[in-house]
C-alpha atoms as a PDB file:
ATOM      1  CA  MET A   1     -15.344  43.189  14.170  1.00  0.00           C
ATOM      2  CA  THR A   2     -18.421  42.439  16.169  1.00  0.00           C
ATOM      3  CA  ALA A   3     -19.396  39.040  17.742  1.00  0.00           C
ATOM      4  CA  SER A   4     -22.041  37.747  19.961  1.00  0.00           C
ATOM      5  CA  MET A   5     -21.653  34.674  21.906  1.00  0.00           C
ATOM      6  CA  SER A   6     -23.475  32.811  24.766  1.00  0.00           C
ATOM      7  CA  PHE A   7     -21.594  30.661  27.188  1.00  0.00           C
ATOM      8  CA  SER A   8     -23.247  28.276  29.661  1.00  0.00           C
ATOM      9  CA  ALA A   9     -20.730  27.156  32.236  1.00  0.00           C
ATOM     10  CA  ASP A  10     -20.886  23.614  33.723  1.00  0.00           C
ATOM     11  CA  GLY A  11     -18.852  21.452  35.950  1.00  0.00           C
ATOM     12  CA  GLU A  12     -16.274  20.957  33.204  1.00  0.00           C
ATOM     13  CA  SER A  13     -15.727  24.600  32.482  1.00  0.00           C
ATOM     14  CA  ARG A  14     -12.396  26.157  33.310  1.00  0.00           C
ATOM     15  CA  VAL A  15     -10.879  29.639  33.378  1.00  0.00           C
ATOM     16  CA  SER A  16      -7.185  30.318  33.319  1.00  0.00           C
ATOM     17  CA  CYS A  17      -4.862  33.327  33.078  1.00  0.00           C
ATOM     18  CA  HIS A  18      -1.656  32.880  31.148  1.00  0.00           C
ATOM     19  CA  ASP A  19       0.860  35.371  32.514  1.00  0.00           C
ATOM     20  CA  TYR A  20       3.895  35.984  30.260  1.00  0.00           C
ATOM     21  CA  ARG A  21       5.331  38.650  32.647  1.00  0.00           C
ATOM     22  CA  GLU A  22       7.305  41.302  30.719  1.00  0.00           C
ATOM     23  CA  GLU A  23       7.293  39.450  27.359  1.00  0.00           C
ATOM     24  CA  ARG A  24       3.683  40.161  26.407  1.00  0.00           C
ATOM     25  CA  THR A  25       0.311  41.006  27.741  1.00  0.00           C
ATOM     26  CA  PRO A  26      -1.509  38.137  29.513  1.00  0.00           C
ATOM     27  CA  ILE A  27      -4.185  35.948  28.052  1.00  0.00           C
ATOM     28  CA  LEU A  28      -7.383  35.040  29.808  1.00  0.00           C
ATOM     29  CA  ALA A  29      -8.800  31.791  28.614  1.00  0.00           C
ATOM     30  CA  ILE A  30     -12.205  30.193  29.204  1.00  0.00           C
ATOM     31  CA  TRP A  31     -13.057  26.650  28.049  1.00  0.00           C
ATOM     32  CA  GLY A  32     -16.259  24.709  28.343  1.00  0.00           C
ATOM     33  CA  GLY A  33     -18.993  22.890  26.293  1.00  0.00           C
ATOM     34  CA  GLY A  34     -16.760  22.708  23.281  1.00  0.00           C
ATOM     35  CA  VAL A  35     -16.097  26.534  23.284  1.00  0.00           C
ATOM     36  CA  HIS A  36     -12.588  27.989  23.980  1.00  0.00           C
ATOM     37  CA  LEU A  37     -12.596  31.840  24.271  1.00  0.00           C
ATOM     38  CA  THR A  38      -9.377  33.824  24.824  1.00  0.00           C
ATOM     39  CA  LEU A  39      -9.170  37.467  25.845  1.00  0.00           C
ATOM     40  CA  SER A  40      -6.009  39.557  25.373  1.00  0.00           C
ATOM     41  CA  ALA A  41      -4.958  43.057  24.377  1.00  0.00           C
ATOM     42  CA  ARG A  42      -3.814  43.634  20.783  1.00  0.00           C
ATOM     43  CA  GLU A  43      -0.789  45.675  19.923  1.00  0.00           C
ATOM     44  CA  THR A  44      -3.269  48.293  18.554  1.00  0.00           C
ATOM     45  CA  THR A  45      -5.080  48.612  21.890  1.00  0.00           C
ATOM     46  CA  SER A  46      -3.625  51.141  24.303  1.00  0.00           C
ATOM     47  CA  LEU A  47      -2.450  49.775  27.536  1.00  0.00           C
ATOM     48  CA  PRO A  48      -4.686  52.253  29.575  1.00  0.00           C
ATOM     49  CA  ASP A  49      -7.729  51.263  27.520  1.00  0.00           C
ATOM     50  CA  HIS A  50      -7.143  47.593  28.155  1.00  0.00           C
ATOM     51  CA  LEU A  51      -6.402  48.161  31.766  1.00  0.00           C
ATOM     52  CA  ALA A  52      -9.711  49.993  32.127  1.00  0.00           C
ATOM     53  CA  PHE A  53     -11.449  47.107  30.427  1.00  0.00           C
ATOM     54  CA  ALA A  54      -9.758  44.543  32.738  1.00  0.00           C
ATOM     55  CA  ARG A  55     -10.834  46.508  35.807  1.00  0.00           C
ATOM     56  CA  SER A  56     -14.406  46.610  34.559  1.00  0.00           C
ATOM     57  CA  LEU A  57     -14.289  42.848  33.945  1.00  0.00           C
ATOM     58  CA  VAL A  58     -13.228  42.249  37.499  1.00  0.00           C
ATOM     59  CA  ARG A  59     -16.024  44.523  38.881  1.00  0.00           C
ATOM     60  CA  GLU A  60     -18.667  42.844  36.766  1.00  0.00           C
ATOM     61  CA  THR A  61     -17.208  39.353  37.476  1.00  0.00           C
ATOM     62  CA  ALA A  62     -17.531  40.186  41.144  1.00  0.00           C
ATOM     63  CA  ALA A  63     -21.132  41.400  40.653  1.00  0.00           C
ATOM     64  CA  TYR A  64     -21.969  38.092  38.876  1.00  0.00           C
ATOM     65  CA  LEU A  65     -20.539  36.075  41.650  1.00  0.00           C
ATOM     66  CA  ALA A  66     -22.488  38.062  44.358  1.00  0.00           C
ATOM     67  CA  ALA A  67     -25.771  37.697  42.362  1.00  0.00           C
ATOM     68  CA  LEU A  68     -25.113  33.959  41.704  1.00  0.00           C
ATOM     69  CA  GLU A  69     -24.352  33.369  45.413  1.00  0.00           C
ATOM     70  CA  HIS A  70     -27.576  35.242  46.314  1.00  0.00           C
ATOM     71  CA  PHE A  71     -29.622  33.146  43.881  1.00  0.00           C
ATOM     72  CA  ALA A  72     -28.003  29.895  45.221  1.00  0.00           C
ATOM     73  CA  ALA A  73     -28.815  30.868  48.846  1.00  0.00           C
ATOM     74  CA  THR A  74     -32.409  31.423  47.954  1.00  0.00           C
ATOM     75  CA  GLN A  75     -32.600  27.969  46.181  1.00  0.00           C
ATOM     76  CA  VAL A  76     -31.185  26.122  49.281  1.00  0.00           C
ATOM     77  CA  LYS A  77     -33.739  27.751  51.504  1.00  0.00           C
ATOM     78  CA  ALA A  78     -36.540  27.000  49.033  1.00  0.00           C
ATOM     79  CA  ASP A  79     -35.738  23.269  48.915  1.00  0.00           C
END
């Protein structure tokens, strides 16, 4: 399955991690603007593959935050 989606976060947007401990894999949920996206590992996804994806998600999210903070700092100076 392939999907493409655009999500624009606003002041009402939320992110939450549902941790089920040893019972099942966690679920990452994102809500905002009438959209609810969940991310989890399927039974058919190997745990090493999902761990690699989750680590990549952390790296890219940190890069997004750094870029957004840099952009915000330039906007404050420009005002």
